Amino acid sequence: MLEVAAVMSAKVLERFPAGAPRGSWPAEEYAARRRAEGEPAVVVMDLKSDTFLVVVPGLDED
């Protein structure tokens, strides 16, 4: 599970509405394609906008 700080500094790659047809997972499919290309993409839910976000977690620059 990602830490909140990592998600907050994440780069959003794509947004998908939460109302996809039953059995359709467009955000997960998009993230899987990005992971296959070597990008550590994950899906998170933005409750405020009712969308799924495909993000790449930010890196700590400490």
PDB file of N, CA and C in Angstrom:
ATOM      1  N   MET A   1       0.842  -1.187   0.000  1.00  0.00           N
ATOM      2  CA  MET A   1       0.000   0.000   0.000  1.00  0.00           C
ATOM      3  C   MET A   1       0.882   1.244   0.000  1.00  0.00           C
ATOM      4  N   LEU A   2       0.493   2.238  -0.776  1.00  0.00           N
ATOM      5  CA  LEU A   2       1.258   3.468  -0.869  1.00  0.00           C
ATOM      6  C   LEU A   2       0.999   4.357   0.332  1.00  0.00           C
ATOM      7  N   GLU A   3       2.019   5.076   0.740  1.00  0.00           N
ATOM      8  CA  GLU A   3       1.838   6.056   1.799  1.00  0.00           C
ATOM      9  C   GLU A   3       1.150   7.283   1.225  1.00  0.00           C
ATOM     10  N   VAL A   4       0.414   7.994   2.054  1.00  0.00           N
ATOM     11  CA  VAL A   4      -0.313   9.177   1.597  1.00  0.00           C
ATOM     12  C   VAL A   4       0.640  10.192   0.986  1.00  0.00           C
ATOM     13  N   ALA A   5       1.792  10.414   1.581  1.00  0.00           N
ATOM     14  CA  ALA A   5       2.744  11.396   1.056  1.00  0.00           C
ATOM     15  C   ALA A   5       3.189  11.024  -0.349  1.00  0.00           C
ATOM     16  N   ALA A   6       3.388   9.742  -0.615  1.00  0.00           N
ATOM     17  CA  ALA A   6       3.817   9.307  -1.945  1.00  0.00           C
ATOM     18  C   ALA A   6       2.731   9.575  -2.970  1.00  0.00           C
ATOM     19  N   VAL A   7       1.488   9.330  -2.611  1.00  0.00           N
ATOM     20  CA  VAL A   7       0.387   9.561  -3.542  1.00  0.00           C
ATOM     21  C   VAL A   7       0.209  11.051  -3.782  1.00  0.00           C
ATOM     22  N   MET A   8       0.375  11.857  -2.760  1.00  0.00           N
ATOM     23  CA  MET A   8       0.177  13.295  -2.911  1.00  0.00           C
ATOM     24  C   MET A   8       1.208  13.918  -3.846  1.00  0.00           C
ATOM     25  N   SER A   9       2.391  13.357  -3.922  1.00  0.00           N
ATOM     26  CA  SER A   9       3.405  13.905  -4.818  1.00  0.00           C
ATOM     27  C   SER A   9       3.466  13.135  -6.132  1.00  0.00           C
ATOM     28  N   ALA A  10       2.468  12.336  -6.399  1.00  0.00           N
ATOM     29  CA  ALA A  10       2.451  11.500  -7.603  1.00  0.00           C
ATOM     30  C   ALA A  10       2.140  12.318  -8.850  1.00  0.00           C
ATOM     31  N   LYS A  11       2.617  11.812  -9.969  1.00  0.00           N
ATOM     32  CA  LYS A  11       2.316  12.404 -11.276  1.00  0.00           C
ATOM     33  C   LYS A  11       1.107  11.670 -11.842  1.00  0.00           C
ATOM     34  N   VAL A  12       0.058  12.398 -12.190  1.00  0.00           N
ATOM     35  CA  VAL A  12      -1.153  11.804 -12.759  1.00  0.00           C
ATOM     36  C   VAL A  12      -0.928  11.580 -14.252  1.00  0.00           C
ATOM     37  N   LEU A  13      -1.062  10.322 -14.675  1.00  0.00           N
ATOM     38  CA  LEU A  13      -0.900   9.990 -16.084  1.00  0.00           C
ATOM     39  C   LEU A  13      -2.213  10.081 -16.844  1.00  0.00           C
ATOM     40  N   GLU A  14      -3.303   9.657 -16.194  1.00  0.00           N
ATOM     41  CA  GLU A  14      -4.602   9.611 -16.872  1.00  0.00           C
ATOM     42  C   GLU A  14      -5.711   9.585 -15.832  1.00  0.00           C
ATOM     43  N   ARG A  15      -6.901  10.038 -16.227  1.00  0.00           N
ATOM     44  CA  ARG A  15      -8.097  10.037 -15.364  1.00  0.00           C
ATOM     45  C   ARG A  15      -9.201   9.239 -16.052  1.00  0.00           C
ATOM     46  N   PHE A  16      -9.951   8.483 -15.265  1.00  0.00           N
ATOM     47  CA  PHE A  16     -11.058   7.687 -15.800  1.00  0.00           C
ATOM     48  C   PHE A  16     -12.273   7.868 -14.903  1.00  0.00           C
ATOM     49  N   PRO A  17     -13.454   8.095 -15.471  1.00  0.00           N
ATOM     50  CA  PRO A  17     -14.664   8.217 -14.645  1.00  0.00           C
ATOM     51  C   PRO A  17     -14.952   6.905 -13.928  1.00  0.00           C
ATOM     52  N   ALA A  18     -15.505   7.024 -12.728  1.00  0.00           N
ATOM     53  CA  ALA A  18     -15.782   5.839 -11.920  1.00  0.00           C
ATOM     54  C   ALA A  18     -16.961   5.033 -12.454  1.00  0.00           C
ATOM     55  N   GLY A  19     -17.745   5.572 -13.340  1.00  0.00           N
ATOM     56  CA  GLY A  19     -18.949   4.900 -13.820  1.00  0.00           C
ATOM     57  C   GLY A  19     -18.746   4.028 -15.042  1.00  0.00           C
ATOM     58  N   ALA A  20     -17.673   3.284 -15.120  1.00  0.00           N
ATOM     59  CA  ALA A  20     -17.438   2.403 -16.265  1.00  0.00           C
ATOM     60  C   ALA A  20     -18.470   1.270 -16.264  1.00  0.00           C
ATOM     61  N   PRO A  21     -18.772   0.724 -17.436  1.00  0.00           N
ATOM     62  CA  PRO A  21     -19.726  -0.390 -17.494  1.00  0.00           C
ATOM     63  C   PRO A  21     -19.267  -1.580 -16.652  1.00  0.00           C
ATOM     64  N   ARG A  22     -20.200  -2.355 -16.177  1.00  0.00           N
ATOM     65  CA  ARG A  22     -19.890  -3.521 -15.342  1.00  0.00           C
ATOM     66  C   ARG A  22     -18.918  -4.450 -16.073  1.00  0.00           C
ATOM     67  N   GLY A  23     -17.874  -4.866 -15.351  1.00  0.00           N
ATOM     68  CA  GLY A  23     -16.878  -5.763 -15.927  1.00  0.00           C
ATOM     69  C   GLY A  23     -15.786  -5.035 -16.693  1.00  0.00           C
ATOM     70  N   SER A  24     -15.886  -3.713 -16.786  1.00  0.00           N
ATOM     71  CA  SER A  24     -14.881  -2.907 -17.486  1.00  0.00           C
ATOM     72  C   SER A  24     -14.004  -2.208 -16.458  1.00  0.00           C
ATOM     73  N   TRP A  25     -12.709  -2.325 -16.625  1.00  0.00           N
ATOM     74  CA  TRP A  25     -11.743  -1.721 -15.694  1.00  0.00           C
ATOM     75  C   TRP A  25     -10.722  -0.902 -16.483  1.00  0.00           C
ATOM     76  N   PRO A  26     -11.141   0.189 -17.156  1.00  0.00           N
ATOM     77  CA  PRO A  26     -10.225   0.927 -18.025  1.00  0.00           C
ATOM     78  C   PRO A  26      -9.003   1.487 -17.305  1.00  0.00           C
ATOM     79  N   ALA A  27      -9.152   1.953 -16.076  1.00  0.00           N
ATOM     80  CA  ALA A  27      -7.997   2.495 -15.347  1.00  0.00           C
ATOM     81  C   ALA A  27      -6.984   1.396 -15.053  1.00  0.00           C
ATOM     82  N   GLU A  28      -7.471   0.239 -14.605  1.00  0.00           N
ATOM     83  CA  GLU A  28      -6.569  -0.878 -14.304  1.00  0.00           C
ATOM     84  C   GLU A  28      -5.886  -1.385 -15.576  1.00  0.00           C
ATOM     85  N   GLU A  29      -6.617  -1.424 -16.673  1.00  0.00           N
ATOM     86  CA  GLU A  29      -6.033  -1.884 -17.939  1.00  0.00           C
ATOM     87  C   GLU A  29      -4.960  -0.913 -18.421  1.00  0.00           C
ATOM     88  N   TYR A  30      -5.225   0.389 -18.302  1.00  0.00           N
ATOM     89  CA  TYR A  30      -4.246   1.399 -18.703  1.00  0.00           C
ATOM     90  C   TYR A  30      -2.989   1.297 -17.830  1.00  0.00           C
ATOM     91  N   ALA A  31      -3.193   1.160 -16.517  1.00  0.00           N
ATOM     92  CA  ALA A  31      -2.055   1.042 -15.601  1.00  0.00           C
ATOM     93  C   ALA A  31      -1.239  -0.211 -15.911  1.00  0.00           C
ATOM     94  N   ALA A  32      -1.904  -1.311 -16.241  1.00  0.00           N
ATOM     95  CA  ALA A  32      -1.191  -2.553 -16.573  1.00  0.00           C
ATOM     96  C   ALA A  32      -0.330  -2.373 -17.817  1.00  0.00           C
ATOM     97  N   ARG A  33      -0.865  -1.650 -18.809  1.00  0.00           N
ATOM     98  CA  ARG A  33      -0.066  -1.385 -20.022  1.00  0.00           C
ATOM     99  C   ARG A  33       1.156  -0.540 -19.686  1.00  0.00           C
ATOM    100  N   ARG A  34       0.988   0.459 -18.826  1.00  0.00           N
ATOM    101  CA  ARG A  34       2.114   1.311 -18.441  1.00  0.00           C
ATOM    102  C   ARG A  34       3.151   0.512 -17.654  1.00  0.00           C
ATOM    103  N   ARG A  35       2.685  -0.387 -16.765  1.00  0.00           N
ATOM    104  CA  ARG A  35       3.628  -1.232 -16.006  1.00  0.00           C
ATOM    105  C   ARG A  35       4.384  -2.160 -16.942  1.00  0.00           C
ATOM    106  N   ALA A  36       3.718  -2.658 -17.976  1.00  0.00           N
ATOM    107  CA  ALA A  36       4.377  -3.527 -18.958  1.00  0.00           C
ATOM    108  C   ALA A  36       5.479  -2.767 -19.700  1.00  0.00           C
ATOM    109  N   GLU A  37       5.337  -1.450 -19.789  1.00  0.00           N
ATOM    110  CA  GLU A  37       6.348  -0.607 -20.426  1.00  0.00           C
ATOM    111  C   GLU A  37       7.427  -0.154 -19.437  1.00  0.00           C
ATOM    112  N   GLY A  38       7.330  -0.622 -18.186  1.00  0.00           N
ATOM    113  CA  GLY A  38       8.357  -0.318 -17.193  1.00  0.00           C
ATOM    114  C   GLY A  38       8.060   0.860 -16.284  1.00  0.00           C
ATOM    115  N   GLU A  39       6.875   1.439 -16.375  1.00  0.00           N
ATOM    116  CA  GLU A  39       6.513   2.561 -15.522  1.00  0.00           C
ATOM    117  C   GLU A  39       5.736   2.036 -14.311  1.00  0.00           C
ATOM    118  N   PRO A  40       6.070   2.460 -13.093  1.00  0.00           N
ATOM    119  CA  PRO A  40       5.410   1.914 -11.890  1.00  0.00           C
ATOM    120  C   PRO A  40       4.029   2.526 -11.644  1.00  0.00           C
ATOM    121  N   ALA A  41       3.130   2.410 -12.588  1.00  0.00           N
ATOM    122  CA  ALA A  41       1.806   3.025 -12.509  1.00  0.00           C
ATOM    123  C   ALA A  41       0.892   2.259 -11.557  1.00  0.00           C
ATOM    124  N   VAL A  42       0.121   3.018 -10.796  1.00  0.00           N
ATOM    125  CA  VAL A  42      -0.879   2.447  -9.892  1.00  0.00           C
ATOM    126  C   VAL A  42      -2.178   3.228 -10.053  1.00  0.00           C
ATOM    127  N   VAL A  43      -3.274   2.628  -9.623  1.00  0.00           N
ATOM    128  CA  VAL A  43      -4.584   3.275  -9.694  1.00  0.00           C
ATOM    129  C   VAL A  43      -5.002   3.691  -8.291  1.00  0.00           C
ATOM    130  N   VAL A  44      -5.448   4.934  -8.177  1.00  0.00           N
ATOM    131  CA  VAL A  44      -5.992   5.437  -6.915  1.00  0.00           C
ATOM    132  C   VAL A  44      -7.344   6.078  -7.209  1.00  0.00           C
ATOM    133  N   MET A  45      -8.175   6.165  -6.193  1.00  0.00           N
ATOM    134  CA  MET A  45      -9.508   6.753  -6.356  1.00  0.00           C
ATOM    135  C   MET A  45      -9.509   8.171  -5.805  1.00  0.00           C
ATOM    136  N   ASP A  46      -9.985   9.107  -6.602  1.00  0.00           N
ATOM    137  CA  ASP A  46     -10.189  10.475  -6.138  1.00  0.00           C
ATOM    138  C   ASP A  46     -11.667  10.591  -5.794  1.00  0.00           C
ATOM    139  N   LEU A  47     -11.987  10.480  -4.521  1.00  0.00           N
ATOM    140  CA  LEU A  47     -13.385  10.478  -4.094  1.00  0.00           C
ATOM    141  C   LEU A  47     -14.078  11.802  -4.386  1.00  0.00           C
ATOM    142  N   LYS A  48     -13.346  12.897  -4.280  1.00  0.00           N
ATOM    143  CA  LYS A  48     -13.951  14.218  -4.479  1.00  0.00           C
ATOM    144  C   LYS A  48     -14.495  14.376  -5.899  1.00  0.00           C
ATOM    145  N   SER A  49     -13.733  13.904  -6.888  1.00  0.00           N
ATOM    146  CA  SER A  49     -14.171  14.043  -8.281  1.00  0.00           C
ATOM    147  C   SER A  49     -14.798  12.765  -8.837  1.00  0.00           C
ATOM    148  N   ASP A  50     -14.862  11.701  -8.036  1.00  0.00           N
ATOM    149  CA  ASP A  50     -15.426  10.414  -8.438  1.00  0.00           C
ATOM    150  C   ASP A  50     -14.741   9.877  -9.696  1.00  0.00           C
ATOM    151  N   THR A  51     -13.394   9.913  -9.672  1.00  0.00           N
ATOM    152  CA  THR A  51     -12.608   9.401 -10.788  1.00  0.00           C
ATOM    153  C   THR A  51     -11.488   8.510 -10.276  1.00  0.00           C
ATOM    154  N   PHE A  52     -11.071   7.604 -11.145  1.00  0.00           N
ATOM    155  CA  PHE A  52      -9.889   6.805 -10.877  1.00  0.00           C
ATOM    156  C   PHE A  52      -8.713   7.498 -11.550  1.00  0.00           C
ATOM    157  N   LEU A  53      -7.616   7.640 -10.832  1.00  0.00           N
ATOM    158  CA  LEU A  53      -6.414   8.261 -11.367  1.00  0.00           C
ATOM    159  C   LEU A  53      -5.346   7.203 -11.538  1.00  0.00           C
ATOM    160  N   VAL A  54      -4.683   7.199 -12.676  1.00  0.00           N
ATOM    161  CA  VAL A  54      -3.521   6.347 -12.882  1.00  0.00           C
ATOM    162  C   VAL A  54      -2.324   7.246 -12.614  1.00  0.00           C
ATOM    163  N   VAL A  55      -1.544   6.892 -11.603  1.00  0.00           N
ATOM    164  CA  VAL A  55      -0.441   7.745 -11.168  1.00  0.00           C
ATOM    165  C   VAL A  55       0.867   6.985 -11.103  1.00  0.00           C
ATOM    166  N   VAL A  56       1.948   7.758 -11.157  1.00  0.00           N
ATOM    167  CA  VAL A  56       3.282   7.234 -10.902  1.00  0.00           C
ATOM    168  C   VAL A  56       3.718   7.901  -9.606  1.00  0.00           C
ATOM    169  N   PRO A  57       3.973   7.114  -8.551  1.00  0.00           N
ATOM    170  CA  PRO A  57       4.362   7.710  -7.261  1.00  0.00           C
ATOM    171  C   PRO A  57       5.591   8.588  -7.410  1.00  0.00           C
ATOM    172  N   GLY A  58       5.587   9.716  -6.688  1.00  0.00           N
ATOM    173  CA  GLY A  58       6.726  10.613  -6.678  1.00  0.00           C
ATOM    174  C   GLY A  58       7.892  10.014  -5.922  1.00  0.00           C
ATOM    175  N   LEU A  59       9.084  10.451  -6.260  1.00  0.00           N
ATOM    176  CA  LEU A  59      10.276   9.993  -5.579  1.00  0.00           C
ATOM    177  C   LEU A  59      10.689  10.998  -4.532  1.00  0.00           C
ATOM    178  N   ASP A  60      11.136  10.506  -3.373  1.00  0.00           N
ATOM    179  CA  ASP A  60      11.639  11.397  -2.341  1.00  0.00           C
ATOM    180  C   ASP A  60      12.953  11.994  -2.793  1.00  0.00           C
ATOM    181  N   GLU A  61      13.094  13.303  -2.655  1.00  0.00           N
ATOM    182  CA  GLU A  61      14.317  13.980  -3.056  1.00  0.00           C
ATOM    183  C   GLU A  61      15.050  14.533  -1.860  1.00  0.00           C
ATOM    184  N   ASP A  62      14.964  13.859  -0.722  1.00  0.00           N
ATOM    185  CA  ASP A  62      15.608  14.311   0.499  1.00  0.00           C
ATOM    186  C   ASP A  62      17.100  14.145   0.444  1.00  0.00           C
TER     187      ASP A  62
END
